[in-house]
Amino acid sequence: MSEEKKGTHKGLTEARKRANKKYNDKFVEVKVRMIPERRTIVQEHAASMNESTTAFINRAIDETMARDQKNKKSDSI
């Protein structure tokens, strides 16, 4: 039988809710559709790089945009 957690805390405090909202308000969400198997591959790759899935996706975007800009400059020469 599992032991019940003792204490009086019953969820997030109002201060924590405000802090979470303030933090989350700094961001927007972008939805990306993929099949579940691909999501698993992306998540596993991110974990293998010791980063979150969000951090990996942002890094992939940053690196691709930098490469695209570099290629765009070399094409115009």
C-alpha atoms as a PDB file:
ATOM      1  CA  MET A   1       0.000   0.000   0.000  1.00  0.00           C
ATOM      2  CA  SER A   2       1.393   3.423  -0.892  1.00  0.00           C
ATOM      3  CA  GLU A   3       1.994   5.984   1.785  1.00  0.00           C
ATOM      4  CA  GLU A   4       0.173   9.270   1.512  1.00  0.00           C
ATOM      5  CA  LYS A   5       2.250  12.395   1.393  1.00  0.00           C
ATOM      6  CA  LYS A   6       1.972  14.311   4.627  1.00  0.00           C
ATOM      7  CA  GLY A   7       1.594  18.046   4.736  1.00  0.00           C
ATOM      8  CA  THR A   8      -0.917  20.755   4.116  1.00  0.00           C
ATOM      9  CA  HIS A   9       0.183  21.836   0.621  1.00  0.00           C
ATOM     10  CA  LYS A  10      -2.719  21.393  -1.810  1.00  0.00           C
ATOM     11  CA  GLY A  11      -1.244  22.522  -5.129  1.00  0.00           C
ATOM     12  CA  LEU A  12       0.348  25.694  -6.418  1.00  0.00           C
ATOM     13  CA  THR A  13       0.376  28.782  -4.270  1.00  0.00           C
ATOM     14  CA  GLU A  14      -1.015  31.987  -5.725  1.00  0.00           C
ATOM     15  CA  ALA A  15       2.517  33.423  -5.814  1.00  0.00           C
ATOM     16  CA  ARG A  16       3.784  30.404  -7.791  1.00  0.00           C
ATOM     17  CA  LYS A  17       0.836  30.693 -10.210  1.00  0.00           C
ATOM     18  CA  ARG A  18       1.660  34.378 -10.812  1.00  0.00           C
ATOM     19  CA  ALA A  19       5.354  33.601 -11.289  1.00  0.00           C
ATOM     20  CA  ASN A  20       4.552  30.809 -13.760  1.00  0.00           C
ATOM     21  CA  LYS A  21       2.207  33.073 -15.710  1.00  0.00           C
ATOM     22  CA  LYS A  22       4.784  35.896 -15.824  1.00  0.00           C
ATOM     23  CA  TYR A  23       7.405  33.467 -17.139  1.00  0.00           C
ATOM     24  CA  ASN A  24       5.107  31.829 -19.703  1.00  0.00           C
ATOM     25  CA  ASP A  25       3.854  35.194 -20.976  1.00  0.00           C
ATOM     26  CA  LYS A  26       7.351  35.831 -22.379  1.00  0.00           C
ATOM     27  CA  PHE A  27       6.907  33.047 -24.928  1.00  0.00           C
ATOM     28  CA  VAL A  28       4.689  32.049 -27.822  1.00  0.00           C
ATOM     29  CA  GLU A  29       3.985  28.501 -28.865  1.00  0.00           C
ATOM     30  CA  VAL A  30       4.551  27.140 -32.342  1.00  0.00           C
ATOM     31  CA  LYS A  31       2.825  23.919 -33.273  1.00  0.00           C
ATOM     32  CA  VAL A  32       4.762  21.399 -35.345  1.00  0.00           C
ATOM     33  CA  ARG A  33       3.016  18.337 -36.707  1.00  0.00           C
ATOM     34  CA  MET A  34       4.839  15.039 -37.047  1.00  0.00           C
ATOM     35  CA  ILE A  35       4.063  11.383 -36.691  1.00  0.00           C
ATOM     36  CA  PRO A  36       4.580   9.947 -33.196  1.00  0.00           C
ATOM     37  CA  GLU A  37       7.567   7.877 -34.319  1.00  0.00           C
ATOM     38  CA  ARG A  38       9.385  10.988 -35.569  1.00  0.00           C
ATOM     39  CA  ARG A  39       8.625  12.809 -32.314  1.00  0.00           C
ATOM     40  CA  THR A  40      10.184   9.912 -30.417  1.00  0.00           C
ATOM     41  CA  ILE A  41      13.294  10.080 -32.617  1.00  0.00           C
ATOM     42  CA  VAL A  42      13.587  13.854 -32.069  1.00  0.00           C
ATOM     43  CA  GLN A  43      13.102  13.478 -28.301  1.00  0.00           C
ATOM     44  CA  GLU A  44      15.685  10.683 -28.097  1.00  0.00           C
ATOM     45  CA  HIS A  45      18.192  12.682 -30.129  1.00  0.00           C
ATOM     46  CA  ALA A  46      17.714  15.754 -27.941  1.00  0.00           C
ATOM     47  CA  ALA A  47      18.191  13.631 -24.823  1.00  0.00           C
ATOM     48  CA  SER A  48      21.365  12.116 -26.307  1.00  0.00           C
ATOM     49  CA  MET A  49      22.678  15.666 -26.702  1.00  0.00           C
ATOM     50  CA  ASN A  50      21.771  16.445 -23.073  1.00  0.00           C
ATOM     51  CA  GLU A  51      19.193  19.044 -24.043  1.00  0.00           C
ATOM     52  CA  SER A  52      15.441  19.368 -23.967  1.00  0.00           C
ATOM     53  CA  THR A  53      13.417  18.801 -27.097  1.00  0.00           C
ATOM     54  CA  THR A  54      12.604  22.521 -27.174  1.00  0.00           C
ATOM     55  CA  ALA A  55      16.276  23.472 -26.856  1.00  0.00           C
ATOM     56  CA  PHE A  56      17.200  21.048 -29.644  1.00  0.00           C
ATOM     57  CA  ILE A  57      14.504  22.383 -31.981  1.00  0.00           C
ATOM     58  CA  ASN A  58      15.565  25.983 -31.284  1.00  0.00           C
ATOM     59  CA  ARG A  59      19.215  25.073 -31.914  1.00  0.00           C
ATOM     60  CA  ALA A  60      18.289  23.343 -35.174  1.00  0.00           C
ATOM     61  CA  ILE A  61      16.373  26.430 -36.279  1.00  0.00           C
ATOM     62  CA  ASP A  62      19.234  28.787 -35.335  1.00  0.00           C
ATOM     63  CA  GLU A  63      21.871  26.687 -37.094  1.00  0.00           C
ATOM     64  CA  THR A  64      19.760  26.263 -40.238  1.00  0.00           C
ATOM     65  CA  MET A  65      18.987  29.992 -40.444  1.00  0.00           C
ATOM     66  CA  ALA A  66      22.680  30.856 -40.003  1.00  0.00           C
ATOM     67  CA  ARG A  67      23.650  28.343 -42.712  1.00  0.00           C
ATOM     68  CA  ASP A  68      20.926  29.676 -45.025  1.00  0.00           C
ATOM     69  CA  GLN A  69      22.179  33.244 -44.561  1.00  0.00           C
ATOM     70  CA  LYS A  70      25.742  32.154 -45.263  1.00  0.00           C
ATOM     71  CA  ASN A  71      24.631  30.306 -48.412  1.00  0.00           C
ATOM     72  CA  LYS A  72      22.522  33.280 -49.502  1.00  0.00           C
ATOM     73  CA  LYS A  73      25.549  35.606 -49.216  1.00  0.00           C
ATOM     74  CA  SER A  74      27.826  33.233 -51.137  1.00  0.00           C
ATOM     75  CA  ASP A  75      25.209  32.825 -53.894  1.00  0.00           C
ATOM     76  CA  SER A  76      25.043  36.575 -54.453  1.00  0.00           C
ATOM     77  CA  ILE A  77      28.804  36.921 -54.952  1.00  0.00           C
END
